[in-house]
Amino acid sequence: MHNDKINSVKKELENVFDGVNTLEKLEQIKVEYMGKNGKITTLNSLIREIPNEEKKEFGMQVNELKDLFNTKYTQIKEEIEEAEINEKLNKEAIDVTLPGTEIPRGSANMIERVIETLEELLMSMGYDVVEGPEVEKDLYNFELLNLPKGHPARDAQDTFYIKGEEYLLRSQTSPVQVRTMLEAKGEKPIRIICPGKTYRRDEDDATHSHEFTQMEGLLIDKNITLGDLKGTFEEIAKKLFGEGRETRFRPSYYPFTEPSVEMDISCFNCNGKGCNICKGTGWITVGGAGMVNPIVLKNCGYDSEKWNGFAFGFGIERLAMLKYGVNDIRVFYLNHDIRSLKELNRREY
């Protein structure tokens, strides 16, 4: 009797999978035979009715039924899944001859690219990159840099004061140099660059902004000359504007350097012949520099009889405008449709 039930289920399995072509139907069959109340599963409950000497044989026959079902079930499932994949591939075939969709792209931030280029060059020359707070004390931003209260040069840096006249938004990155010299306590050489945001009360127009980016450099050691500064500037000019750039110094004045110079490069547009970019002079001013004023050295703990050095500074936006042919500084800060970036003249490094 029990063998009849096993044989009956076994015979059903010979044809139960015929015509099954969906996973849904296949799962229904699995529940019918292998589910909690399935035909094969319930055979196990009959084992208590079987004499002990026949239980082993009966159990083996039930397990054979399970193996038979699982084998056929797996085979049919793989066939259905493969058929579905092939059908999907046929329906979703890609015509590789169709033209692609152009995705508009912007470009790397020009300010960051200039900063990274300068950092890479100057770090290779032994400089460290140092940062400092944007909210500064008047002491570091002016006084220790030979700009005491009432000094006329302060008027040229119309400053954002925050709390009386003690705290302000830094008008230059020079306070980072001051802090670094004070930390050194006049006992060791310094070679640093200080990139960062600075703030002045300028009216925003095509060439001015109340918020702009500076990068200043400072080198303090023994027996440093203006020639060392000139050589450093030449390397910077060539890195940013090409190997053919010539450089020159012109006398200038800054309270924190003595002597002070304006740093010029030969015009990359006309090669010194004179054009609208260089205003007919053949030269373009890109920054200021000079030998560190002995008063500043003394204020920051250095013996000016033993130590000297140079400092230089660039407005990064100005360098980027010259390098990439941008004629309005506001381009760097306003939100533009990325398609407008195609109009900018990007010279490659």
Foldseek 3Di string as FASTA:
>chain_A
DLVVLLVVLVVCLVPVCPPDQDPVVLVVVCCQAPNPPHSLNCSVVCLVVDDPVCSVVSVVSSVVSVVSNVVVSVVNVVVNVVVVVVVVCVVPPDDPPDDDDDDFDFDPQLLVVLVVLVCVVLVVVVAAEDEDDQKAFCCLQAVLLQHDPPRVVVVVQAFAADPDRTIGGRQARRSRVLVVLLVCLQPDWHWYKYKDKGAGPDDAWQPDDRIFIKIKIKTKDFPDDVVVVVVVVLVSCCSQQNPPKDKDWDFDDDSFAPRKTFIKIFQSVPRQCADVVCNGGRIDTFWMKHKGDCSSCVSSNHDPVGMIIMMIMGTSLVSSCSQFVRRGSCVSPDDDDSVVSVVIRHDDD
